[in-house]
Amino acid sequence: MESPFYYVSETEEVIPKKECWNGKKTATQVAIDAEATECFLGLLKDKWAMLSDSKTGKRQLWHCIATELEEAGFSIRGSDKIQMCKTKWENLRKVYRGYISKNIDL
């Protein structure tokens, strides 16, 4: 059974999971959040066809991404990891759209 606190690497080394997106603003936590977000975006890129397909159920996609993030060594805070991934995506889109709308006239 997989622990929420550590994972076993490919070399069978036990490594503590990094808790991401927990709202803390320490320098270490900001770095962990940035690393987790980069991994998250990479997973989204790999699954872009599923994300942009209107016929695909997104809950399954978010579950898959949450699982892969945990396999990559990140512990997603909260009990609903699927909702956390969906919310992260919505927030990233909102910030990006705001950035684009402010800088479009430059």
PDB file of N, CA and C in Angstrom:
ATOM      1  N   MET A   1       0.841  -1.183   0.000  1.00  0.00           N
ATOM      2  CA  MET A   1       0.000   0.000   0.000  1.00  0.00           C
ATOM      3  C   MET A   1       0.882   1.241   0.000  1.00  0.00           C
ATOM      4  N   GLU A   2       0.530   2.205  -0.819  1.00  0.00           N
ATOM      5  CA  GLU A   2       1.318   3.419  -0.932  1.00  0.00           C
ATOM      6  C   GLU A   2       1.042   4.346   0.240  1.00  0.00           C
ATOM      7  N   SER A   3       2.103   4.907   0.762  1.00  0.00           N
ATOM      8  CA  SER A   3       1.977   5.850   1.870  1.00  0.00           C
ATOM      9  C   SER A   3       1.765   7.259   1.338  1.00  0.00           C
ATOM     10  N   PRO A   4       0.971   8.062   2.033  1.00  0.00           N
ATOM     11  CA  PRO A   4       0.813   9.459   1.611  1.00  0.00           C
ATOM     12  C   PRO A   4       2.037  10.300   1.957  1.00  0.00           C
ATOM     13  N   PHE A   5       3.010   9.727   2.681  1.00  0.00           N
ATOM     14  CA  PHE A   5       4.141  10.501   3.175  1.00  0.00           C
ATOM     15  C   PHE A   5       5.466  10.203   2.479  1.00  0.00           C
ATOM     16  N   TYR A   6       5.567   9.108   1.750  1.00  0.00           N
ATOM     17  CA  TYR A   6       6.797   8.768   1.059  1.00  0.00           C
ATOM     18  C   TYR A   6       6.484   7.911  -0.151  1.00  0.00           C
ATOM     19  N   TYR A   7       7.458   7.802  -1.034  1.00  0.00           N
ATOM     20  CA  TYR A   7       7.315   6.907  -2.166  1.00  0.00           C
ATOM     21  C   TYR A   7       8.630   6.182  -2.370  1.00  0.00           C
ATOM     22  N   VAL A   8       8.595   5.089  -3.100  1.00  0.00           N
ATOM     23  CA  VAL A   8       9.784   4.300  -3.372  1.00  0.00           C
ATOM     24  C   VAL A   8      10.212   4.610  -4.801  1.00  0.00           C
ATOM     25  N   SER A   9      11.434   5.087  -4.946  1.00  0.00           N
ATOM     26  CA  SER A   9      11.933   5.465  -6.261  1.00  0.00           C
ATOM     27  C   SER A   9      12.256   4.227  -7.086  1.00  0.00           C
ATOM     28  N   GLU A  10      12.642   4.446  -8.341  1.00  0.00           N
ATOM     29  CA  GLU A  10      12.991   3.336  -9.230  1.00  0.00           C
ATOM     30  C   GLU A  10      14.179   2.553  -8.696  1.00  0.00           C
ATOM     31  N   THR A  11      15.016   3.193  -7.898  1.00  0.00           N
ATOM     32  CA  THR A  11      16.178   2.514  -7.323  1.00  0.00           C
ATOM     33  C   THR A  11      15.858   1.893  -5.961  1.00  0.00           C
ATOM     34  N   GLU A  12      14.550   1.818  -5.652  1.00  0.00           N
ATOM     35  CA  GLU A  12      14.066   1.227  -4.397  1.00  0.00           C
ATOM     36  C   GLU A  12      14.423   2.067  -3.171  1.00  0.00           C
ATOM     37  N   GLU A  13      14.774   3.318  -3.374  1.00  0.00           N
ATOM     38  CA  GLU A  13      15.081   4.220  -2.276  1.00  0.00           C
ATOM     39  C   GLU A  13      13.786   4.848  -1.766  1.00  0.00           C
ATOM     40  N   VAL A  14      13.612   4.876  -0.459  1.00  0.00           N
ATOM     41  CA  VAL A  14      12.420   5.481   0.133  1.00  0.00           C
ATOM     42  C   VAL A  14      12.667   6.981   0.259  1.00  0.00           C
ATOM     43  N   ILE A  15      11.801   7.768  -0.395  1.00  0.00           N
ATOM     44  CA  ILE A  15      11.963   9.220  -0.451  1.00  0.00           C
ATOM     45  C   ILE A  15      10.694   9.876   0.078  1.00  0.00           C
ATOM     46  N   PRO A  16      10.832  10.859   0.975  1.00  0.00           N
ATOM     47  CA  PRO A  16       9.621  11.536   1.461  1.00  0.00           C
ATOM     48  C   PRO A  16       8.954  12.324   0.330  1.00  0.00           C
ATOM     49  N   LYS A  17       7.629  12.295   0.306  1.00  0.00           N
ATOM     50  CA  LYS A  17       6.887  13.070  -0.689  1.00  0.00           C
ATOM     51  C   LYS A  17       6.932  14.536  -0.308  1.00  0.00           C
ATOM     52  N   LYS A  18       6.858  15.379  -1.334  1.00  0.00           N
ATOM     53  CA  LYS A  18       6.850  16.823  -1.115  1.00  0.00           C
ATOM     54  C   LYS A  18       5.404  17.298  -1.175  1.00  0.00           C
ATOM     55  N   GLU A  19       4.925  17.876  -0.078  1.00  0.00           N
ATOM     56  CA  GLU A  19       3.559  18.392  -0.055  1.00  0.00           C
ATOM     57  C   GLU A  19       3.485  19.660  -0.897  1.00  0.00           C
ATOM     58  N   CYS A  20       2.580  19.672  -1.850  1.00  0.00           N
ATOM     59  CA  CYS A  20       2.485  20.824  -2.748  1.00  0.00           C
ATOM     60  C   CYS A  20       1.147  21.529  -2.592  1.00  0.00           C
ATOM     61  N   TRP A  21       1.173  22.819  -2.971  1.00  0.00           N
ATOM     62  CA  TRP A  21      -0.030  23.653  -3.029  1.00  0.00           C
ATOM     63  C   TRP A  21      -0.761  23.694  -1.690  1.00  0.00           C
ATOM     64  N   ASN A  22       0.009  23.843  -0.597  1.00  0.00           N
ATOM     65  CA  ASN A  22      -0.591  23.843   0.736  1.00  0.00           C
ATOM     66  C   ASN A  22      -0.827  25.245   1.281  1.00  0.00           C
ATOM     67  N   GLY A  23      -0.520  26.269   0.495  1.00  0.00           N
ATOM     68  CA  GLY A  23      -0.780  27.639   0.916  1.00  0.00           C
ATOM     69  C   GLY A  23       0.339  28.298   1.691  1.00  0.00           C
ATOM     70  N   LYS A  24       1.366  27.543   2.050  1.00  0.00           N
ATOM     71  CA  LYS A  24       2.496  28.136   2.779  1.00  0.00           C
ATOM     72  C   LYS A  24       3.355  28.916   1.792  1.00  0.00           C
ATOM     73  N   LYS A  25       4.009  29.965   2.284  1.00  0.00           N
ATOM     74  CA  LYS A  25       4.782  30.849   1.418  1.00  0.00           C
ATOM     75  C   LYS A  25       6.265  30.901   1.775  1.00  0.00           C
ATOM     76  N   THR A  26       6.797  29.856   2.390  1.00  0.00           N
ATOM     77  CA  THR A  26       8.232  29.829   2.669  1.00  0.00           C
ATOM     78  C   THR A  26       8.981  29.644   1.356  1.00  0.00           C
ATOM     79  N   ALA A  27      10.247  29.989   1.341  1.00  0.00           N
ATOM     80  CA  ALA A  27      11.054  29.858   0.120  1.00  0.00           C
ATOM     81  C   ALA A  27      11.092  28.402  -0.347  1.00  0.00           C
ATOM     82  N   THR A  28      11.233  27.483   0.591  1.00  0.00           N
ATOM     83  CA  THR A  28      11.257  26.064   0.245  1.00  0.00           C
ATOM     84  C   THR A  28       9.932  25.624  -0.345  1.00  0.00           C
ATOM     85  N   GLN A  29       8.830  26.057   0.264  1.00  0.00           N
ATOM     86  CA  GLN A  29       7.510  25.656  -0.213  1.00  0.00           C
ATOM     87  C   GLN A  29       7.201  26.249  -1.581  1.00  0.00           C
ATOM     88  N   VAL A  30       7.616  27.483  -1.805  1.00  0.00           N
ATOM     89  CA  VAL A  30       7.403  28.115  -3.110  1.00  0.00           C
ATOM     90  C   VAL A  30       8.142  27.321  -4.184  1.00  0.00           C
ATOM     91  N   ALA A  31       9.349  26.865  -3.877  1.00  0.00           N
ATOM     92  CA  ALA A  31      10.120  26.062  -4.830  1.00  0.00           C
ATOM     93  C   ALA A  31       9.437  24.723  -5.100  1.00  0.00           C
ATOM     94  N   ILE A  32       8.910  24.093  -4.051  1.00  0.00           N
ATOM     95  CA  ILE A  32       8.194  22.819  -4.215  1.00  0.00           C
ATOM     96  C   ILE A  32       6.942  23.036  -5.057  1.00  0.00           C
ATOM     97  N   ASP A  33       6.208  24.102  -4.777  1.00  0.00           N
ATOM     98  CA  ASP A  33       4.991  24.403  -5.549  1.00  0.00           C
ATOM     99  C   ASP A  33       5.313  24.649  -7.015  1.00  0.00           C
ATOM    100  N   ALA A  34       6.407  25.367  -7.278  1.00  0.00           N
ATOM    101  CA  ALA A  34       6.809  25.631  -8.668  1.00  0.00           C
ATOM    102  C   ALA A  34       7.178  24.336  -9.377  1.00  0.00           C
ATOM    103  N   GLU A  35       7.891  23.460  -8.681  1.00  0.00           N
ATOM    104  CA  GLU A  35       8.276  22.168  -9.253  1.00  0.00           C
ATOM    105  C   GLU A  35       7.034  21.311  -9.527  1.00  0.00           C
ATOM    106  N   ALA A  36       6.099  21.306  -8.590  1.00  0.00           N
ATOM    107  CA  ALA A  36       4.863  20.531  -8.770  1.00  0.00           C
ATOM    108  C   ALA A  36       4.035  21.096  -9.920  1.00  0.00           C
ATOM    109  N   THR A  37       3.983  22.417 -10.038  1.00  0.00           N
ATOM    110  CA  THR A  37       3.223  23.044 -11.123  1.00  0.00           C
ATOM    111  C   THR A  37       3.857  22.728 -12.469  1.00  0.00           C
ATOM    112  N   GLU A  38       5.170  22.733 -12.530  1.00  0.00           N
ATOM    113  CA  GLU A  38       5.859  22.380 -13.771  1.00  0.00           C
ATOM    114  C   GLU A  38       5.555  20.929 -14.162  1.00  0.00           C
ATOM    115  N   CYS A  39       5.577  20.043 -13.193  1.00  0.00           N
ATOM    116  CA  CYS A  39       5.230  18.639 -13.438  1.00  0.00           C
ATOM    117  C   CYS A  39       3.769  18.531 -13.888  1.00  0.00           C
ATOM    118  N   PHE A  40       2.890  19.249 -13.208  1.00  0.00           N
ATOM    119  CA  PHE A  40       1.460  19.277 -13.532  1.00  0.00           C
ATOM    120  C   PHE A  40       1.244  19.712 -14.976  1.00  0.00           C
ATOM    121  N   LEU A  41       1.918  20.785 -15.392  1.00  0.00           N
ATOM    122  CA  LEU A  41       1.772  21.276 -16.758  1.00  0.00           C
ATOM    123  C   LEU A  41       2.325  20.282 -17.775  1.00  0.00           C
ATOM    124  N   GLY A  42       3.392  19.590 -17.418  1.00  0.00           N
ATOM    125  CA  GLY A  42       3.935  18.550 -18.294  1.00  0.00           C
ATOM    126  C   GLY A  42       2.941  17.411 -18.483  1.00  0.00           C
ATOM    127  N   LEU A  43       2.287  17.023 -17.400  1.00  0.00           N
ATOM    128  CA  LEU A  43       1.274  15.964 -17.488  1.00  0.00           C
ATOM    129  C   LEU A  43       0.092  16.424 -18.328  1.00  0.00           C
ATOM    130  N   LEU A  44      -0.303  17.687 -18.161  1.00  0.00           N
ATOM    131  CA  LEU A  44      -1.396  18.233 -18.974  1.00  0.00           C
ATOM    132  C   LEU A  44      -1.025  18.247 -20.456  1.00  0.00           C
ATOM    133  N   LYS A  45       0.210  18.599 -20.745  1.00  0.00           N
ATOM    134  CA  LYS A  45       0.666  18.617 -22.135  1.00  0.00           C
ATOM    135  C   LYS A  45       0.550  17.222 -22.744  1.00  0.00           C
ATOM    136  N   ASP A  46       0.941  16.210 -21.975  1.00  0.00           N
ATOM    137  CA  ASP A  46       0.857  14.824 -22.454  1.00  0.00           C
ATOM    138  C   ASP A  46      -0.587  14.382 -22.679  1.00  0.00           C
ATOM    139  N   LYS A  47      -1.509  14.970 -21.943  1.00  0.00           N
ATOM    140  CA  LYS A  47      -2.919  14.566 -22.008  1.00  0.00           C
ATOM    141  C   LYS A  47      -3.794  15.647 -22.640  1.00  0.00           C
ATOM    142  N   TRP A  48      -3.183  16.526 -23.415  1.00  0.00           N
ATOM    143  CA  TRP A  48      -3.905  17.658 -23.989  1.00  0.00           C
ATOM    144  C   TRP A  48      -5.103  17.227 -24.825  1.00  0.00           C
ATOM    145  N   ALA A  49      -4.966  16.140 -25.578  1.00  0.00           N
ATOM    146  CA  ALA A  49      -6.075  15.673 -26.419  1.00  0.00           C
ATOM    147  C   ALA A  49      -7.295  15.343 -25.556  1.00  0.00           C
ATOM    148  N   MET A  50      -7.067  14.709 -24.422  1.00  0.00           N
ATOM    149  CA  MET A  50      -8.174  14.384 -23.513  1.00  0.00           C
ATOM    150  C   MET A  50      -8.781  15.654 -22.920  1.00  0.00           C
ATOM    151  N   LEU A  51      -7.926  16.613 -22.575  1.00  0.00           N
ATOM    152  CA  LEU A  51      -8.400  17.846 -21.948  1.00  0.00           C
ATOM    153  C   LEU A  51      -9.244  18.674 -22.916  1.00  0.00           C
ATOM    154  N   SER A  52      -8.835  18.713 -24.167  1.00  0.00           N
ATOM    155  CA  SER A  52      -9.563  19.538 -25.127  1.00  0.00           C
ATOM    156  C   SER A  52     -10.718  18.813 -25.816  1.00  0.00           C
ATOM    157  N   ASP A  53     -10.877  17.519 -25.558  1.00  0.00           N
ATOM    158  CA  ASP A  53     -11.989  16.760 -26.132  1.00  0.00           C
ATOM    159  C   ASP A  53     -13.235  16.960 -25.268  1.00  0.00           C
ATOM    160  N   SER A  54     -14.268  17.523 -25.851  1.00  0.00           N
ATOM    161  CA  SER A  54     -15.483  17.816 -25.087  1.00  0.00           C
ATOM    162  C   SER A  54     -16.250  16.552 -24.692  1.00  0.00           C
ATOM    163  N   LYS A  55     -15.948  15.435 -25.310  1.00  0.00           N
ATOM    164  CA  LYS A  55     -16.658  14.189 -25.005  1.00  0.00           C
ATOM    165  C   LYS A  55     -15.992  13.380 -23.884  1.00  0.00           C
ATOM    166  N   THR A  56     -14.785  13.743 -23.535  1.00  0.00           N
ATOM    167  CA  THR A  56     -14.059  13.025 -22.493  1.00  0.00           C
ATOM    168  C   THR A  56     -14.451  13.555 -21.124  1.00  0.00           C
ATOM    169  N   GLY A  57     -14.748  12.646 -20.193  1.00  0.00           N
ATOM    170  CA  GLY A  57     -15.044  13.042 -18.818  1.00  0.00           C
ATOM    171  C   GLY A  57     -13.787  13.551 -18.142  1.00  0.00           C
ATOM    172  N   LYS A  58     -13.845  14.726 -17.621  1.00  0.00           N
ATOM    173  CA  LYS A  58     -12.658  15.361 -17.041  1.00  0.00           C
ATOM    174  C   LYS A  58     -12.297  14.807 -15.673  1.00  0.00           C
ATOM    175  N   ARG A  59     -13.268  14.281 -14.952  1.00  0.00           N
ATOM    176  CA  ARG A  59     -12.976  13.730 -13.630  1.00  0.00           C
ATOM    177  C   ARG A  59     -11.929  12.624 -13.729  1.00  0.00           C
ATOM    178  N   GLN A  60     -12.056  11.788 -14.727  1.00  0.00           N
ATOM    179  CA  GLN A  60     -11.093  10.706 -14.941  1.00  0.00           C
ATOM    180  C   GLN A  60      -9.706  11.288 -15.261  1.00  0.00           C
ATOM    181  N   LEU A  61      -9.681  12.348 -16.064  1.00  0.00           N
ATOM    182  CA  LEU A  61      -8.420  13.006 -16.407  1.00  0.00           C
ATOM    183  C   LEU A  61      -7.744  13.563 -15.165  1.00  0.00           C
ATOM    184  N   TRP A  62      -8.509  14.288 -14.327  1.00  0.00           N
ATOM    185  CA  TRP A  62      -7.925  14.869 -13.116  1.00  0.00           C
ATOM    186  C   TRP A  62      -7.458  13.783 -12.155  1.00  0.00           C
ATOM    187  N   HIS A  63      -8.174  12.687 -12.085  1.00  0.00           N
ATOM    188  CA  HIS A  63      -7.759  11.560 -11.225  1.00  0.00           C
ATOM    189  C   HIS A  63      -6.423  11.003 -11.718  1.00  0.00           C
ATOM    190  N   CYS A  64      -6.305  10.829 -13.023  1.00  0.00           N
ATOM    191  CA  CYS A  64      -5.081  10.308 -13.618  1.00  0.00           C
ATOM    192  C   CYS A  64      -3.905  11.246 -13.333  1.00  0.00           C
ATOM    193  N   ILE A  65      -4.115  12.535 -13.492  1.00  0.00           N
ATOM    194  CA  ILE A  65      -3.052  13.515 -13.256  1.00  0.00           C
ATOM    195  C   ILE A  65      -2.665  13.546 -11.771  1.00  0.00           C
ATOM    196  N   ALA A  66      -3.652  13.494 -10.880  1.00  0.00           N
ATOM    197  CA  ALA A  66      -3.359  13.481  -9.441  1.00  0.00           C
ATOM    198  C   ALA A  66      -2.529  12.250  -9.076  1.00  0.00           C
ATOM    199  N   THR A  67      -2.889  11.116  -9.646  1.00  0.00           N
ATOM    200  CA  THR A  67      -2.154   9.880  -9.380  1.00  0.00           C
ATOM    201  C   THR A  67      -0.720   9.986  -9.885  1.00  0.00           C
ATOM    202  N   GLU A  68      -0.549  10.515 -11.083  1.00  0.00           N
ATOM    203  CA  GLU A  68       0.792  10.645 -11.649  1.00  0.00           C
ATOM    204  C   GLU A  68       1.638  11.657 -10.879  1.00  0.00           C
ATOM    205  N   LEU A  69       1.025  12.708 -10.364  1.00  0.00           N
ATOM    206  CA  LEU A  69       1.761  13.658  -9.526  1.00  0.00           C
ATOM    207  C   LEU A  69       2.254  12.973  -8.257  1.00  0.00           C
ATOM    208  N   GLU A  70       1.403  12.157  -7.674  1.00  0.00           N
ATOM    209  CA  GLU A  70       1.802  11.438  -6.462  1.00  0.00           C
ATOM    210  C   GLU A  70       2.915  10.443  -6.773  1.00  0.00           C
ATOM    211  N   GLU A  71       2.837   9.795  -7.941  1.00  0.00           N
ATOM    212  CA  GLU A  71       3.900   8.871  -8.350  1.00  0.00           C
ATOM    213  C   GLU A  71       5.215   9.609  -8.591  1.00  0.00           C
ATOM    214  N   ALA A  72       5.112  10.889  -8.966  1.00  0.00           N
ATOM    215  CA  ALA A  72       6.305  11.707  -9.190  1.00  0.00           C
ATOM    216  C   ALA A  72       6.897  12.234  -7.880  1.00  0.00           C
ATOM    217  N   GLY A  73       6.234  11.963  -6.761  1.00  0.00           N
ATOM    218  CA  GLY A  73       6.783  12.341  -5.457  1.00  0.00           C
ATOM    219  C   GLY A  73       6.139  13.535  -4.797  1.00  0.00           C
ATOM    220  N   PHE A  74       4.979  13.952  -5.283  1.00  0.00           N
ATOM    221  CA  PHE A  74       4.279  15.083  -4.682  1.00  0.00           C
ATOM    222  C   PHE A  74       3.051  14.594  -3.937  1.00  0.00           C
ATOM    223  N   SER A  75       2.820  15.172  -2.784  1.00  0.00           N
ATOM    224  CA  SER A  75       1.635  14.880  -1.992  1.00  0.00           C
ATOM    225  C   SER A  75       0.697  16.074  -2.125  1.00  0.00           C
ATOM    226  N   ILE A  76      -0.468  15.831  -2.716  1.00  0.00           N
ATOM    227  CA  ILE A  76      -1.434  16.902  -2.920  1.00  0.00           C
ATOM    228  C   ILE A  76      -2.257  17.038  -1.652  1.00  0.00           C
ATOM    229  N   ARG A  77      -2.343  18.259  -1.149  1.00  0.00           N
ATOM    230  CA  ARG A  77      -3.051  18.474   0.118  1.00  0.00           C
ATOM    231  C   ARG A  77      -4.549  18.295  -0.077  1.00  0.00           C
ATOM    232  N   GLY A  78      -5.232  18.019   0.999  1.00  0.00           N
ATOM    233  CA  GLY A  78      -6.688  17.916   0.956  1.00  0.00           C
ATOM    234  C   GLY A  78      -7.164  16.501   0.663  1.00  0.00           C
ATOM    235  N   SER A  79      -8.432  16.287   0.926  1.00  0.00           N
ATOM    236  CA  SER A  79      -8.994  14.952   0.722  1.00  0.00           C
ATOM    237  C   SER A  79      -9.447  14.735  -0.713  1.00  0.00           C
ATOM    238  N   ASP A  80      -9.791  15.805  -1.422  1.00  0.00           N
ATOM    239  CA  ASP A  80     -10.258  15.665  -2.798  1.00  0.00           C
ATOM    240  C   ASP A  80      -9.166  16.118  -3.761  1.00  0.00           C
ATOM    241  N   LYS A  81      -8.264  15.198  -4.076  1.00  0.00           N
ATOM    242  CA  LYS A  81      -7.132  15.503  -4.935  1.00  0.00           C
ATOM    243  C   LYS A  81      -7.570  15.823  -6.357  1.00  0.00           C
ATOM    244  N   ILE A  82      -8.666  15.231  -6.782  1.00  0.00           N
ATOM    245  CA  ILE A  82      -9.214  15.495  -8.112  1.00  0.00           C
ATOM    246  C   ILE A  82      -9.645  16.954  -8.210  1.00  0.00           C
ATOM    247  N   GLN A  83     -10.363  17.423  -7.219  1.00  0.00           N
ATOM    248  CA  GLN A  83     -10.817  18.816  -7.211  1.00  0.00           C
ATOM    249  C   GLN A  83      -9.638  19.775  -7.117  1.00  0.00           C
ATOM    250  N   MET A  84      -8.614  19.410  -6.374  1.00  0.00           N
ATOM    251  CA  MET A  84      -7.431  20.260  -6.239  1.00  0.00           C
ATOM    252  C   MET A  84      -6.750  20.439  -7.599  1.00  0.00           C
ATOM    253  N   CYS A  85      -6.628  19.371  -8.380  1.00  0.00           N
ATOM    254  CA  CYS A  85      -6.021  19.469  -9.712  1.00  0.00           C
ATOM    255  C   CYS A  85      -6.887  20.311 -10.642  1.00  0.00           C
ATOM    256  N   LYS A  86      -8.179  20.111 -10.585  1.00  0.00           N
ATOM    257  CA  LYS A  86      -9.093  20.898 -11.426  1.00  0.00           C
ATOM    258  C   LYS A  86      -8.995  22.381 -11.064  1.00  0.00           C
ATOM    259  N   THR A  87      -8.989  22.684  -9.787  1.00  0.00           N
ATOM    260  CA  THR A  87      -8.897  24.070  -9.322  1.00  0.00           C
ATOM    261  C   THR A  87      -7.559  24.680  -9.727  1.00  0.00           C
ATOM    262  N   LYS A  88      -6.483  23.907  -9.626  1.00  0.00           N
ATOM    263  CA  LYS A  88      -5.164  24.404 -10.028  1.00  0.00           C
ATOM    264  C   LYS A  88      -5.193  24.794 -11.502  1.00  0.00           C
ATOM    265  N   TRP A  89      -5.777  23.948 -12.352  1.00  0.00           N
ATOM    266  CA  TRP A  89      -5.869  24.236 -13.775  1.00  0.00           C
ATOM    267  C   TRP A  89      -6.707  25.492 -14.026  1.00  0.00           C
ATOM    268  N   GLU A  90      -7.846  25.610 -13.355  1.00  0.00           N
ATOM    269  CA  GLU A  90      -8.710  26.781 -13.538  1.00  0.00           C
ATOM    270  C   GLU A  90      -7.988  28.062 -13.121  1.00  0.00           C
ATOM    271  N   ASN A  91      -7.238  28.012 -12.019  1.00  0.00           N
ATOM    272  CA  ASN A  91      -6.507  29.188 -11.551  1.00  0.00           C
ATOM    273  C   ASN A  91      -5.376  29.567 -12.505  1.00  0.00           C
ATOM    274  N   LEU A  92      -4.665  28.570 -13.021  1.00  0.00           N
ATOM    275  CA  LEU A  92      -3.600  28.850 -13.983  1.00  0.00           C
ATOM    276  C   LEU A  92      -4.171  29.497 -15.252  1.00  0.00           C
ATOM    277  N   ARG A  93      -5.287  28.986 -15.732  1.00  0.00           N
ATOM    278  CA  ARG A  93      -5.931  29.561 -16.919  1.00  0.00           C
ATOM    279  C   ARG A  93      -6.372  31.002 -16.665  1.00  0.00           C
ATOM    280  N   LYS A  94      -6.941  31.234 -15.486  1.00  0.00           N
ATOM    281  CA  LYS A  94      -7.427  32.576 -15.140  1.00  0.00           C
ATOM    282  C   LYS A  94      -6.270  33.578 -15.092  1.00  0.00           C
ATOM    283  N   VAL A  95      -5.172  33.202 -14.462  1.00  0.00           N
ATOM    284  CA  VAL A  95      -4.008  34.089 -14.372  1.00  0.00           C
ATOM    285  C   VAL A  95      -3.430  34.325 -15.769  1.00  0.00           C
ATOM    286  N   TYR A  96      -3.339  33.287 -16.576  1.00  0.00           N
ATOM    287  CA  TYR A  96      -2.803  33.424 -17.930  1.00  0.00           C
ATOM    288  C   TYR A  96      -3.675  34.351 -18.779  1.00  0.00           C
ATOM    289  N   ARG A  97      -4.969  34.156 -18.715  1.00  0.00           N
ATOM    290  CA  ARG A  97      -5.880  35.007 -19.486  1.00  0.00           C
ATOM    291  C   ARG A  97      -5.794  36.465 -19.033  1.00  0.00           C
ATOM    292  N   GLY A  98      -5.653  36.686 -17.744  1.00  0.00           N
ATOM    293  CA  GLY A  98      -5.488  38.041 -17.228  1.00  0.00           C
ATOM    294  C   GLY A  98      -4.193  38.663 -17.719  1.00  0.00           C
ATOM    295  N   TYR A  99      -3.136  37.880 -17.729  1.00  0.00           N
ATOM    296  CA  TYR A  99      -1.839  38.361 -18.214  1.00  0.00           C
ATOM    297  C   TYR A  99      -1.931  38.735 -19.687  1.00  0.00           C
ATOM    298  N   ILE A 100      -2.535  37.866 -20.469  1.00  0.00           N
ATOM    299  CA  ILE A 100      -2.666  38.115 -21.913  1.00  0.00           C
ATOM    300  C   ILE A 100      -3.522  39.365 -22.174  1.00  0.00           C
ATOM    301  N   SER A 101      -4.624  39.505 -21.466  1.00  0.00           N
ATOM    302  CA  SER A 101      -5.509  40.655 -21.708  1.00  0.00           C
ATOM    303  C   SER A 101      -4.833  41.986 -21.320  1.00  0.00           C
ATOM    304  N   LYS A 102      -3.959  41.985 -20.332  1.00  0.00           N
ATOM    305  CA  LYS A 102      -3.255  43.201 -19.920  1.00  0.00           C
ATOM    306  C   LYS A 102      -2.132  43.550 -20.878  1.00  0.00           C
ATOM    307  N   ASN A 103      -1.548  42.540 -21.500  1.00  0.00           N
ATOM    308  CA  ASN A 103      -0.370  42.759 -22.339  1.00  0.00           C
ATOM    309  C   ASN A 103      -0.670  42.702 -23.834  1.00  0.00           C
ATOM    310  N   ILE A 104      -1.895  42.534 -24.211  1.00  0.00           N
ATOM    311  CA  ILE A 104      -2.241  42.418 -25.629  1.00  0.00           C
ATOM    312  C   ILE A 104      -2.044  43.722 -26.377  1.00  0.00           C
ATOM    313  N   ASP A 105      -2.177  44.848 -25.701  1.00  0.00           N
ATOM    314  CA  ASP A 105      -2.084  46.154 -26.344  1.00  0.00           C
ATOM    315  C   ASP A 105      -0.651  46.673 -26.442  1.00  0.00           C
ATOM    316  N   LEU A 106       0.290  45.945 -25.870  1.00  0.00           N
ATOM    317  CA  LEU A 106       1.684  46.435 -25.860  1.00  0.00           C
ATOM    318  C   LEU A 106       2.325  46.370 -27.209  1.00  0.00           C
TER     319      LEU A 106
END
